[in-house]
Amino acid sequence: MRLSDVSLTAVATLRSQVIESRKTNPVIIDPMADLCLERLAELASTEERTRFFGRKLSPSLTRHLALRARKYDASANQFIAENPACLVLNLGCGFDTRYWRNRAKFRHPRWRR
């Protein structure tokens, strides 16, 4: 697995969400981010694991990224609430786990199984 610097930025965002989710009073709770990060670690070579996980992320960056995710979640949730039959596309989102954080909040009848 070879990830570009842009992809490494996406991994840093994912790591930030995992770090925030594990706090006592998290800004967001994101178990899917934890699972994705775990799977990425399984696929990565020793060198890549060092590149992905060896860098320390500052607490202010971690909090900022979690607050940003929460704000985007709120915007998406508001749009879905106002447009229940809408279709939401999340293009160019990297390792974004917003779908899994928000899917339980809104269930259109045609999506229920």
PDB file of N, CA and C in Angstrom:
ATOM      1  N   MET A   1       0.859  -1.166   0.000  1.00  0.00           N
ATOM      2  CA  MET A   1       0.000   0.000   0.000  1.00  0.00           C
ATOM      3  C   MET A   1       0.905   1.228   0.000  1.00  0.00           C
ATOM      4  N   ARG A   2       0.696   2.106  -0.961  1.00  0.00           N
ATOM      5  CA  ARG A   2       1.463   3.344  -1.024  1.00  0.00           C
ATOM      6  C   ARG A   2       0.488   4.518  -1.034  1.00  0.00           C
ATOM      7  N   LEU A   3       0.577   5.325  -0.010  1.00  0.00           N
ATOM      8  CA  LEU A   3      -0.291   6.480   0.077  1.00  0.00           C
ATOM      9  C   LEU A   3       0.509   7.749  -0.173  1.00  0.00           C
ATOM     10  N   SER A   4      -0.107   8.650  -0.912  1.00  0.00           N
ATOM     11  CA  SER A   4       0.523   9.946  -1.189  1.00  0.00           C
ATOM     12  C   SER A   4       0.452  10.828   0.064  1.00  0.00           C
ATOM     13  N   ASP A   5       1.101  11.971  -0.013  1.00  0.00           N
ATOM     14  CA  ASP A   5       1.037  12.918   1.101  1.00  0.00           C
ATOM     15  C   ASP A   5      -0.394  13.393   1.344  1.00  0.00           C
ATOM     16  N   VAL A   6      -1.169  13.540   0.278  1.00  0.00           N
ATOM     17  CA  VAL A   6      -2.578  13.931   0.422  1.00  0.00           C
ATOM     18  C   VAL A   6      -3.336  12.852   1.180  1.00  0.00           C
ATOM     19  N   SER A   7      -3.091  11.590   0.844  1.00  0.00           N
ATOM     20  CA  SER A   7      -3.744  10.490   1.552  1.00  0.00           C
ATOM     21  C   SER A   7      -3.316  10.435   3.011  1.00  0.00           C
ATOM     22  N   LEU A   8      -2.057  10.744   3.276  1.00  0.00           N
ATOM     23  CA  LEU A   8      -1.584  10.779   4.661  1.00  0.00           C
ATOM     24  C   LEU A   8      -2.311  11.847   5.464  1.00  0.00           C
ATOM     25  N   THR A   9      -2.664  12.953   4.810  1.00  0.00           N
ATOM     26  CA  THR A   9      -3.455  13.992   5.472  1.00  0.00           C
ATOM     27  C   THR A   9      -4.822  13.442   5.853  1.00  0.00           C
ATOM     28  N   ALA A  10      -5.419  12.651   4.967  1.00  0.00           N
ATOM     29  CA  ALA A  10      -6.714  12.033   5.266  1.00  0.00           C
ATOM     30  C   ALA A  10      -6.587  11.065   6.440  1.00  0.00           C
ATOM     31  N   VAL A  11      -5.481  10.335   6.512  1.00  0.00           N
ATOM     32  CA  VAL A  11      -5.251   9.421   7.636  1.00  0.00           C
ATOM     33  C   VAL A  11      -5.108  10.231   8.931  1.00  0.00           C
ATOM     34  N   ALA A  12      -4.450  11.374   8.872  1.00  0.00           N
ATOM     35  CA  ALA A  12      -4.312  12.227  10.059  1.00  0.00           C
ATOM     36  C   ALA A  12      -5.680  12.694  10.550  1.00  0.00           C
ATOM     37  N   THR A  13      -6.560  13.044   9.633  1.00  0.00           N
ATOM     38  CA  THR A  13      -7.921  13.444  10.007  1.00  0.00           C
ATOM     39  C   THR A  13      -8.651  12.277  10.663  1.00  0.00           C
ATOM     40  N   LEU A  14      -8.512  11.104  10.083  1.00  0.00           N
ATOM     41  CA  LEU A  14      -9.138   9.905  10.651  1.00  0.00           C
ATOM     42  C   LEU A  14      -8.586   9.627  12.046  1.00  0.00           C
ATOM     43  N   ARG A  15      -7.274   9.719  12.209  1.00  0.00           N
ATOM     44  CA  ARG A  15      -6.649   9.521  13.521  1.00  0.00           C
ATOM     45  C   ARG A  15      -7.175  10.526  14.529  1.00  0.00           C
ATOM     46  N   SER A  16      -7.343  11.763  14.101  1.00  0.00           N
ATOM     47  CA  SER A  16      -7.854  12.798  14.998  1.00  0.00           C
ATOM     48  C   SER A  16      -9.239  12.438  15.518  1.00  0.00           C
ATOM     49  N   GLN A  17     -10.072  11.916  14.646  1.00  0.00           N
ATOM     50  CA  GLN A  17     -11.428  11.538  15.067  1.00  0.00           C
ATOM     51  C   GLN A  17     -11.396  10.372  16.038  1.00  0.00           C
ATOM     52  N   VAL A  18     -10.479   9.447  15.831  1.00  0.00           N
ATOM     53  CA  VAL A  18     -10.336   8.321  16.757  1.00  0.00           C
ATOM     54  C   VAL A  18      -9.850   8.818  18.109  1.00  0.00           C
ATOM     55  N   ILE A  19      -8.839   9.671  18.103  1.00  0.00           N
ATOM     56  CA  ILE A  19      -8.309  10.222  19.355  1.00  0.00           C
ATOM     57  C   ILE A  19      -9.406  10.964  20.110  1.00  0.00           C
ATOM     58  N   GLU A  20     -10.169  11.791  19.402  1.00  0.00           N
ATOM     59  CA  GLU A  20     -11.252  12.551  20.036  1.00  0.00           C
ATOM     60  C   GLU A  20     -12.337  11.627  20.567  1.00  0.00           C
ATOM     61  N   SER A  21     -12.683  10.600  19.818  1.00  0.00           N
ATOM     62  CA  SER A  21     -13.733   9.663  20.235  1.00  0.00           C
ATOM     63  C   SER A  21     -13.382   8.935  21.521  1.00  0.00           C
ATOM     64  N   ARG A  22     -12.106   8.754  21.777  1.00  0.00           N
ATOM     65  CA  ARG A  22     -11.656   8.012  22.956  1.00  0.00           C
ATOM     66  C   ARG A  22     -11.548   8.884  24.209  1.00  0.00           C
ATOM     67  N   LYS A  23     -11.763  10.182  24.075  1.00  0.00           N
ATOM     68  CA  LYS A  23     -11.684  11.073  25.229  1.00  0.00           C
ATOM     69  C   LYS A  23     -12.878  10.876  26.150  1.00  0.00           C
ATOM     70  N   THR A  24     -12.743  11.333  27.375  1.00  0.00           N
ATOM     71  CA  THR A  24     -13.826  11.224  28.362  1.00  0.00           C
ATOM     72  C   THR A  24     -15.067  11.985  27.916  1.00  0.00           C
ATOM     73  N   ASN A  25     -14.879  13.204  27.421  1.00  0.00           N
ATOM     74  CA  ASN A  25     -15.985  14.031  26.928  1.00  0.00           C
ATOM     75  C   ASN A  25     -15.709  14.402  25.475  1.00  0.00           C
ATOM     76  N   PRO A  26     -15.932  13.472  24.552  1.00  0.00           N
ATOM     77  CA  PRO A  26     -15.580  13.739  23.153  1.00  0.00           C
ATOM     78  C   PRO A  26     -16.533  14.712  22.470  1.00  0.00           C
ATOM     79  N   VAL A  27     -15.989  15.431  21.501  1.00  0.00           N
ATOM     80  CA  VAL A  27     -16.788  16.323  20.665  1.00  0.00           C
ATOM     81  C   VAL A  27     -17.619  15.495  19.691  1.00  0.00           C
ATOM     82  N   ILE A  28     -17.023  14.411  19.183  1.00  0.00           N
ATOM     83  CA  ILE A  28     -17.742  13.464  18.328  1.00  0.00           C
ATOM     84  C   ILE A  28     -17.409  12.055  18.789  1.00  0.00           C
ATOM     85  N   ILE A  29     -18.300  11.143  18.481  1.00  0.00           N
ATOM     86  CA  ILE A  29     -18.076   9.722  18.744  1.00  0.00           C
ATOM     87  C   ILE A  29     -18.102   9.039  17.389  1.00  0.00           C
ATOM     88  N   ASP A  30     -17.013   8.357  17.051  1.00  0.00           N
ATOM     89  CA  ASP A  30     -16.867   7.829  15.698  1.00  0.00           C
ATOM     90  C   ASP A  30     -16.254   6.428  15.705  1.00  0.00           C
ATOM     91  N   PRO A  31     -17.047   5.406  16.050  1.00  0.00           N
ATOM     92  CA  PRO A  31     -16.506   4.048  16.081  1.00  0.00           C
ATOM     93  C   PRO A  31     -16.062   3.541  14.700  1.00  0.00           C
ATOM     94  N   MET A  32     -16.671   4.024  13.632  1.00  0.00           N
ATOM     95  CA  MET A  32     -16.265   3.583  12.292  1.00  0.00           C
ATOM     96  C   MET A  32     -14.866   4.098  11.960  1.00  0.00           C
ATOM     97  N   ALA A  33     -14.525   5.281  12.430  1.00  0.00           N
ATOM     98  CA  ALA A  33     -13.164   5.797  12.225  1.00  0.00           C
ATOM     99  C   ALA A  33     -12.157   4.874  12.895  1.00  0.00           C
ATOM    100  N   ASP A  34     -12.491   4.397  14.078  1.00  0.00           N
ATOM    101  CA  ASP A  34     -11.627   3.464  14.801  1.00  0.00           C
ATOM    102  C   ASP A  34     -11.429   2.185  13.986  1.00  0.00           C
ATOM    103  N   LEU A  35     -12.511   1.647  13.454  1.00  0.00           N
ATOM    104  CA  LEU A  35     -12.437   0.422  12.649  1.00  0.00           C
ATOM    105  C   LEU A  35     -11.613   0.655  11.380  1.00  0.00           C
ATOM    106  N   CYS A  36     -11.853   1.774  10.694  1.00  0.00           N
ATOM    107  CA  CYS A  36     -11.104   2.079   9.467  1.00  0.00           C
ATOM    108  C   CYS A  36      -9.614   2.213   9.752  1.00  0.00           C
ATOM    109  N   LEU A  37      -9.280   2.899  10.825  1.00  0.00           N
ATOM    110  CA  LEU A  37      -7.875   3.089  11.179  1.00  0.00           C
ATOM    111  C   LEU A  37      -7.218   1.748  11.515  1.00  0.00           C
ATOM    112  N   GLU A  38      -7.943   0.913  12.218  1.00  0.00           N
ATOM    113  CA  GLU A  38      -7.440  -0.421  12.551  1.00  0.00           C
ATOM    114  C   GLU A  38      -7.161  -1.233  11.284  1.00  0.00           C
ATOM    115  N   ARG A  39      -8.087  -1.196  10.337  1.00  0.00           N
ATOM    116  CA  ARG A  39      -7.904  -1.934   9.077  1.00  0.00           C
ATOM    117  C   ARG A  39      -6.748  -1.379   8.253  1.00  0.00           C
ATOM    118  N   LEU A  40      -6.603  -0.061   8.225  1.00  0.00           N
ATOM    119  CA  LEU A  40      -5.469   0.544   7.519  1.00  0.00           C
ATOM    120  C   LEU A  40      -4.152   0.084   8.134  1.00  0.00           C
ATOM    121  N   ALA A  41      -4.106   0.024   9.445  1.00  0.00           N
ATOM    122  CA  ALA A  41      -2.888  -0.419  10.132  1.00  0.00           C
ATOM    123  C   ALA A  41      -2.557  -1.868   9.773  1.00  0.00           C
ATOM    124  N   GLU A  42      -3.590  -2.693   9.634  1.00  0.00           N
ATOM    125  CA  GLU A  42      -3.367  -4.095   9.261  1.00  0.00           C
ATOM    126  C   GLU A  42      -2.777  -4.215   7.856  1.00  0.00           C
ATOM    127  N   LEU A  43      -3.172  -3.328   6.955  1.00  0.00           N
ATOM    128  CA  LEU A  43      -2.712  -3.378   5.567  1.00  0.00           C
ATOM    129  C   LEU A  43      -1.346  -2.728   5.359  1.00  0.00           C
ATOM    130  N   ALA A  44      -0.969  -1.875   6.259  1.00  0.00           N
ATOM    131  CA  ALA A  44       0.255  -1.092   6.089  1.00  0.00           C
ATOM    132  C   ALA A  44       1.500  -1.911   6.433  1.00  0.00           C
ATOM    133  N   SER A  45       2.575  -1.600   5.742  1.00  0.00           N
ATOM    134  CA  SER A  45       3.869  -2.196   6.068  1.00  0.00           C
ATOM    135  C   SER A  45       4.396  -1.525   7.341  1.00  0.00           C
ATOM    136  N   THR A  46       5.472  -2.054   7.877  1.00  0.00           N
ATOM    137  CA  THR A  46       6.072  -1.464   9.075  1.00  0.00           C
ATOM    138  C   THR A  46       6.477  -0.016   8.819  1.00  0.00           C
ATOM    139  N   GLU A  47       7.066   0.247   7.670  1.00  0.00           N
ATOM    140  CA  GLU A  47       7.479   1.608   7.319  1.00  0.00           C
ATOM    141  C   GLU A  47       6.265   2.532   7.232  1.00  0.00           C
ATOM    142  N   GLU A  48       5.192   2.053   6.599  1.00  0.00           N
ATOM    143  CA  GLU A  48       3.986   2.883   6.458  1.00  0.00           C
ATOM    144  C   GLU A  48       3.330   3.121   7.811  1.00  0.00           C
ATOM    145  N   ARG A  49       3.320   2.115   8.679  1.00  0.00           N
ATOM    146  CA  ARG A  49       2.754   2.299  10.015  1.00  0.00           C
ATOM    147  C   ARG A  49       3.486   3.416  10.748  1.00  0.00           C
ATOM    148  N   THR A  50       4.796   3.458  10.581  1.00  0.00           N
ATOM    149  CA  THR A  50       5.587   4.522  11.206  1.00  0.00           C
ATOM    150  C   THR A  50       5.183   5.877  10.633  1.00  0.00           C
ATOM    151  N   ARG A  51       5.006   5.952   9.318  1.00  0.00           N
ATOM    152  CA  ARG A  51       4.590   7.212   8.682  1.00  0.00           C
ATOM    153  C   ARG A  51       3.187   7.617   9.112  1.00  0.00           C
ATOM    154  N   PHE A  52       2.257   6.641   9.199  1.00  0.00           N
ATOM    155  CA  PHE A  52       0.857   6.948   9.537  1.00  0.00           C
ATOM    156  C   PHE A  52       0.698   7.316  11.000  1.00  0.00           C
ATOM    157  N   PHE A  53       1.301   6.495  11.860  1.00  0.00           N
ATOM    158  CA  PHE A  53       0.985   6.572  13.282  1.00  0.00           C
ATOM    159  C   PHE A  53       2.133   7.089  14.139  1.00  0.00           C
ATOM    160  N   GLY A  54       3.317   7.248  13.562  1.00  0.00           N
ATOM    161  CA  GLY A  54       4.478   7.680  14.324  1.00  0.00           C
ATOM    162  C   GLY A  54       4.464   9.160  14.655  1.00  0.00           C
ATOM    163  N   ARG A  55       3.766   9.933  13.874  1.00  0.00           N
ATOM    164  CA  ARG A  55       3.701  11.382  14.117  1.00  0.00           C
ATOM    165  C   ARG A  55       2.680  11.697  15.195  1.00  0.00           C
ATOM    166  N   LYS A  56       3.090  12.531  16.123  1.00  0.00           N
ATOM    167  CA  LYS A  56       2.167  12.954  17.170  1.00  0.00           C
ATOM    168  C   LYS A  56       1.271  14.054  16.614  1.00  0.00           C
ATOM    169  N   LEU A  57      -0.001  13.961  16.902  1.00  0.00           N
ATOM    170  CA  LEU A  57      -0.948  15.001  16.500  1.00  0.00           C
ATOM    171  C   LEU A  57      -1.206  15.912  17.698  1.00  0.00           C
ATOM    172  N   SER A  58      -1.177  17.193  17.465  1.00  0.00           N
ATOM    173  CA  SER A  58      -1.384  18.124  18.573  1.00  0.00           C
ATOM    174  C   SER A  58      -2.834  18.053  19.048  1.00  0.00           C
ATOM    175  N   PRO A  59      -3.044  18.210  20.343  1.00  0.00           N
ATOM    176  CA  PRO A  59      -4.420  18.204  20.873  1.00  0.00           C
ATOM    177  C   PRO A  59      -5.297  19.290  20.253  1.00  0.00           C
ATOM    178  N   SER A  60      -4.714  20.444  19.936  1.00  0.00           N
ATOM    179  CA  SER A  60      -5.524  21.514  19.336  1.00  0.00           C
ATOM    180  C   SER A  60      -5.964  21.135  17.921  1.00  0.00           C
ATOM    181  N   LEU A  61      -5.105  20.452  17.161  1.00  0.00           N
ATOM    182  CA  LEU A  61      -5.489  19.980  15.827  1.00  0.00           C
ATOM    183  C   LEU A  61      -6.584  18.924  15.931  1.00  0.00           C
ATOM    184  N   THR A  62      -6.413  18.003  16.851  1.00  0.00           N
ATOM    185  CA  THR A  62      -7.408  16.944  17.042  1.00  0.00           C
ATOM    186  C   THR A  62      -8.768  17.532  17.389  1.00  0.00           C
ATOM    187  N   ARG A  63      -8.785  18.488  18.298  1.00  0.00           N
ATOM    188  CA  ARG A  63     -10.051  19.122  18.701  1.00  0.00           C
ATOM    189  C   ARG A  63     -10.644  19.922  17.543  1.00  0.00           C
ATOM    190  N   HIS A  64      -9.799  20.670  16.832  1.00  0.00           N
ATOM    191  CA  HIS A  64     -10.269  21.467  15.698  1.00  0.00           C
ATOM    192  C   HIS A  64     -10.927  20.578  14.636  1.00  0.00           C
ATOM    193  N   LEU A  65     -10.291  19.475  14.280  1.00  0.00           N
ATOM    194  CA  LEU A  65     -10.844  18.588  13.251  1.00  0.00           C
ATOM    195  C   LEU A  65     -12.148  17.954  13.712  1.00  0.00           C
ATOM    196  N   ALA A  66     -12.241  17.622  15.000  1.00  0.00           N
ATOM    197  CA  ALA A  66     -13.489  17.055  15.530  1.00  0.00           C
ATOM    198  C   ALA A  66     -14.605  18.094  15.525  1.00  0.00           C
ATOM    199  N   LEU A  67     -14.289  19.321  15.904  1.00  0.00           N
ATOM    200  CA  LEU A  67     -15.298  20.392  15.873  1.00  0.00           C
ATOM    201  C   LEU A  67     -15.764  20.667  14.452  1.00  0.00           C
ATOM    202  N   ARG A  68     -14.826  20.642  13.508  1.00  0.00           N
ATOM    203  CA  ARG A  68     -15.178  20.841  12.097  1.00  0.00           C
ATOM    204  C   ARG A  68     -16.101  19.717  11.623  1.00  0.00           C
ATOM    205  N   ALA A  69     -15.767  18.481  11.977  1.00  0.00           N
ATOM    206  CA  ALA A  69     -16.617  17.343  11.584  1.00  0.00           C
ATOM    207  C   ALA A  69     -18.011  17.483  12.188  1.00  0.00           C
ATOM    208  N   ARG A  70     -18.075  17.896  13.456  1.00  0.00           N
ATOM    209  CA  ARG A  70     -19.385  18.066  14.105  1.00  0.00           C
ATOM    210  C   ARG A  70     -20.203  19.138  13.404  1.00  0.00           C
ATOM    211  N   LYS A  71     -19.547  20.224  12.986  1.00  0.00           N
ATOM    212  CA  LYS A  71     -20.248  21.309  12.282  1.00  0.00           C
ATOM    213  C   LYS A  71     -20.777  20.825  10.935  1.00  0.00           C
ATOM    214  N   TYR A  72     -19.941  20.101  10.189  1.00  0.00           N
ATOM    215  CA  TYR A  72     -20.387  19.555   8.897  1.00  0.00           C
ATOM    216  C   TYR A  72     -21.508  18.526   9.097  1.00  0.00           C
ATOM    217  N   ASP A  73     -21.413  17.721  10.152  1.00  0.00           N
ATOM    218  CA  ASP A  73     -22.486  16.778  10.463  1.00  0.00           C
ATOM    219  C   ASP A  73     -23.793  17.517  10.701  1.00  0.00           C
ATOM    220  N   ALA A  74     -23.721  18.598  11.467  1.00  0.00           N
ATOM    221  CA  ALA A  74     -24.930  19.376  11.764  1.00  0.00           C
ATOM    222  C   ALA A  74     -25.531  19.962  10.492  1.00  0.00           C
ATOM    223  N   SER A  75     -24.685  20.466   9.605  1.00  0.00           N
ATOM    224  CA  SER A  75     -25.177  21.025   8.331  1.00  0.00           C
ATOM    225  C   SER A  75     -25.840  19.950   7.481  1.00  0.00           C
ATOM    226  N   ALA A  76     -25.193  18.798   7.391  1.00  0.00           N
ATOM    227  CA  ALA A  76     -25.771  17.689   6.613  1.00  0.00           C
ATOM    228  C   ALA A  76     -27.083  17.231   7.240  1.00  0.00           C
ATOM    229  N   ASN A  77     -27.110  17.106   8.563  1.00  0.00           N
ATOM    230  CA  ASN A  77     -28.329  16.669   9.250  1.00  0.00           C
ATOM    231  C   ASN A  77     -29.472  17.649   9.059  1.00  0.00           C
ATOM    232  N   GLN A  78     -29.163  18.936   9.099  1.00  0.00           N
ATOM    233  CA  GLN A  78     -30.203  19.948   8.897  1.00  0.00           C
ATOM    234  C   GLN A  78     -30.777  19.850   7.482  1.00  0.00           C
ATOM    235  N   PHE A  79     -29.901  19.691   6.500  1.00  0.00           N
ATOM    236  CA  PHE A  79     -30.360  19.574   5.120  1.00  0.00           C
ATOM    237  C   PHE A  79     -31.238  18.334   4.947  1.00  0.00           C
ATOM    238  N   ILE A  80     -30.800  17.214   5.512  1.00  0.00           N
ATOM    239  CA  ILE A  80     -31.571  15.970   5.390  1.00  0.00           C
ATOM    240  C   ILE A  80     -32.920  16.105   6.096  1.00  0.00           C
ATOM    241  N   ALA A  81     -32.938  16.751   7.262  1.00  0.00           N
ATOM    242  CA  ALA A  81     -34.194  16.944   7.991  1.00  0.00           C
ATOM    243  C   ALA A  81     -35.181  17.790   7.193  1.00  0.00           C
ATOM    244  N   GLU A  82     -34.657  18.792   6.492  1.00  0.00           N
ATOM    245  CA  GLU A  82     -35.513  19.672   5.701  1.00  0.00           C
ATOM    246  C   GLU A  82     -35.879  19.078   4.351  1.00  0.00           C
ATOM    247  N   ASN A  83     -35.138  18.079   3.893  1.00  0.00           N
ATOM    248  CA  ASN A  83     -35.345  17.452   2.588  1.00  0.00           C
ATOM    249  C   ASN A  83     -35.260  15.930   2.739  1.00  0.00           C
ATOM    250  N   PRO A  84     -36.258  15.300   3.389  1.00  0.00           N
ATOM    251  CA  PRO A  84     -36.144  13.884   3.744  1.00  0.00           C
ATOM    252  C   PRO A  84     -35.986  12.926   2.561  1.00  0.00           C
ATOM    253  N   ALA A  85     -36.377  13.325   1.380  1.00  0.00           N
ATOM    254  CA  ALA A  85     -36.238  12.433   0.222  1.00  0.00           C
ATOM    255  C   ALA A  85     -34.980  12.744  -0.593  1.00  0.00           C
ATOM    256  N   CYS A  86     -34.071  13.526  -0.019  1.00  0.00           N
ATOM    257  CA  CYS A  86     -32.885  13.956  -0.760  1.00  0.00           C
ATOM    258  C   CYS A  86     -31.879  12.815  -0.933  1.00  0.00           C
ATOM    259  N   LEU A  87     -30.932  13.081  -1.791  1.00  0.00           N
ATOM    260  CA  LEU A  87     -29.794  12.187  -1.986  1.00  0.00           C
ATOM    261  C   LEU A  87     -28.551  13.004  -1.668  1.00  0.00           C
ATOM    262  N   VAL A  88     -27.742  12.527  -0.750  1.00  0.00           N
ATOM    263  CA  VAL A  88     -26.540  13.244  -0.351  1.00  0.00           C
ATOM    264  C   VAL A  88     -25.329  12.499  -0.881  1.00  0.00           C
ATOM    265  N   LEU A  89     -24.479  13.208  -1.616  1.00  0.00           N
ATOM    266  CA  LEU A  89     -23.226  12.650  -2.118  1.00  0.00           C
ATOM    267  C   LEU A  89     -22.077  13.323  -1.397  1.00  0.00           C
ATOM    268  N   ASN A  90     -21.120  12.547  -0.973  1.00  0.00           N
ATOM    269  CA  ASN A  90     -19.957  13.070  -0.272  1.00  0.00           C
ATOM    270  C   ASN A  90     -18.744  12.777  -1.145  1.00  0.00           C
ATOM    271  N   LEU A  91     -18.475  13.665  -2.086  1.00  0.00           N
ATOM    272  CA  LEU A  91     -17.417  13.452  -3.066  1.00  0.00           C
ATOM    273  C   LEU A  91     -16.081  13.992  -2.577  1.00  0.00           C
ATOM    274  N   GLY A  92     -15.021  13.295  -2.921  1.00  0.00           N
ATOM    275  CA  GLY A  92     -13.682  13.743  -2.554  1.00  0.00           C
ATOM    276  C   GLY A  92     -13.480  13.793  -1.056  1.00  0.00           C
ATOM    277  N   CYS A  93     -14.067  12.842  -0.353  1.00  0.00           N
ATOM    278  CA  CYS A  93     -14.115  12.921   1.107  1.00  0.00           C
ATOM    279  C   CYS A  93     -13.006  12.147   1.813  1.00  0.00           C
ATOM    280  N   GLY A  94     -12.141  11.468   1.074  1.00  0.00           N
ATOM    281  CA  GLY A  94     -11.062  10.730   1.731  1.00  0.00           C
ATOM    282  C   GLY A  94     -11.594   9.615   2.603  1.00  0.00           C
ATOM    283  N   PHE A  95     -11.109   9.555   3.826  1.00  0.00           N
ATOM    284  CA  PHE A  95     -11.541   8.523   4.773  1.00  0.00           C
ATOM    285  C   PHE A  95     -12.648   9.055   5.680  1.00  0.00           C
ATOM    286  N   ASP A  96     -13.570   9.814   5.130  1.00  0.00           N
ATOM    287  CA  ASP A  96     -14.643  10.429   5.912  1.00  0.00           C
ATOM    288  C   ASP A  96     -15.651   9.377   6.350  1.00  0.00           C
ATOM    289  N   THR A  97     -16.024   9.413   7.609  1.00  0.00           N
ATOM    290  CA  THR A  97     -16.969   8.440   8.168  1.00  0.00           C
ATOM    291  C   THR A  97     -18.289   9.099   8.583  1.00  0.00           C
ATOM    292  N   ARG A  98     -18.579  10.240   7.991  1.00  0.00           N
ATOM    293  CA  ARG A  98     -19.803  10.980   8.324  1.00  0.00           C
ATOM    294  C   ARG A  98     -21.060  10.135   8.118  1.00  0.00           C
ATOM    295  N   TYR A  99     -21.084   9.371   7.046  1.00  0.00           N
ATOM    296  CA  TYR A  99     -22.256   8.530   6.763  1.00  0.00           C
ATOM    297  C   TYR A  99     -22.593   7.657   7.973  1.00  0.00           C
ATOM    298  N   TRP A 100     -21.606   7.017   8.554  1.00  0.00           N
ATOM    299  CA  TRP A 100     -21.864   6.101   9.665  1.00  0.00           C
ATOM    300  C   TRP A 100     -22.197   6.850  10.950  1.00  0.00           C
ATOM    301  N   ARG A 101     -21.679   8.057  11.118  1.00  0.00           N
ATOM    302  CA  ARG A 101     -22.029   8.843  12.308  1.00  0.00           C
ATOM    303  C   ARG A 101     -23.475   9.323  12.246  1.00  0.00           C
ATOM    304  N   ASN A 102     -24.005   9.559  11.046  1.00  0.00           N
ATOM    305  CA  ASN A 102     -25.303  10.208  10.900  1.00  0.00           C
ATOM    306  C   ASN A 102     -26.420   9.319  10.385  1.00  0.00           C
ATOM    307  N   ARG A 103     -26.116   8.157   9.871  1.00  0.00           N
ATOM    308  CA  ARG A 103     -27.149   7.370   9.200  1.00  0.00           C
ATOM    309  C   ARG A 103     -28.285   6.944  10.117  1.00  0.00           C
ATOM    310  N   ALA A 104     -28.010   6.732  11.381  1.00  0.00           N
ATOM    311  CA  ALA A 104     -29.068   6.294  12.292  1.00  0.00           C
ATOM    312  C   ALA A 104     -30.066   7.406  12.591  1.00  0.00           C
ATOM    313  N   LYS A 105     -29.668   8.654  12.381  1.00  0.00           N
ATOM    314  CA  LYS A 105     -30.550   9.779  12.695  1.00  0.00           C
ATOM    315  C   LYS A 105     -31.686   9.926  11.704  1.00  0.00           C
ATOM    316  N   PHE A 106     -31.420   9.554  10.451  1.00  0.00           N
ATOM    317  CA  PHE A 106     -32.415   9.732   9.410  1.00  0.00           C
ATOM    318  C   PHE A 106     -32.553   8.439   8.622  1.00  0.00           C
ATOM    319  N   ARG A 107     -33.737   7.915   8.604  1.00  0.00           N
ATOM    320  CA  ARG A 107     -34.003   6.709   7.825  1.00  0.00           C
ATOM    321  C   ARG A 107     -35.241   6.943   6.974  1.00  0.00           C
ATOM    322  N   HIS A 108     -35.026   7.077   5.706  1.00  0.00           N
ATOM    323  CA  HIS A 108     -36.146   7.197   4.785  1.00  0.00           C
ATOM    324  C   HIS A 108     -36.802   5.817   4.695  1.00  0.00           C
ATOM    325  N   PRO A 109     -38.138   5.745   4.577  1.00  0.00           N
ATOM    326  CA  PRO A 109     -38.815   4.444   4.534  1.00  0.00           C
ATOM    327  C   PRO A 109     -38.258   3.501   3.475  1.00  0.00           C
ATOM    328  N   ARG A 110     -37.836   4.003   2.333  1.00  0.00           N
ATOM    329  CA  ARG A 110     -37.350   3.114   1.281  1.00  0.00           C
ATOM    330  C   ARG A 110     -35.982   2.511   1.616  1.00  0.00           C
ATOM    331  N   TRP A 111     -35.279   3.072   2.633  1.00  0.00           N
ATOM    332  CA  TRP A 111     -33.963   2.538   2.998  1.00  0.00           C
ATOM    333  C   TRP A 111     -34.056   1.500   4.093  1.00  0.00           C
ATOM    334  N   ARG A 112     -35.206   1.388   4.740  1.00  0.00           N
ATOM    335  CA  ARG A 112     -35.345   0.424   5.846  1.00  0.00           C
ATOM    336  C   ARG A 112     -35.402  -0.986   5.298  1.00  0.00           C
ATOM    337  N   ARG A 113     -34.807  -1.888   6.028  1.00  0.00           N
ATOM    338  CA  ARG A 113     -34.820  -3.316   5.619  1.00  0.00           C
ATOM    339  C   ARG A 113     -35.339  -4.167   6.736  1.00  0.00           C
TER     340      ARG A 113
END
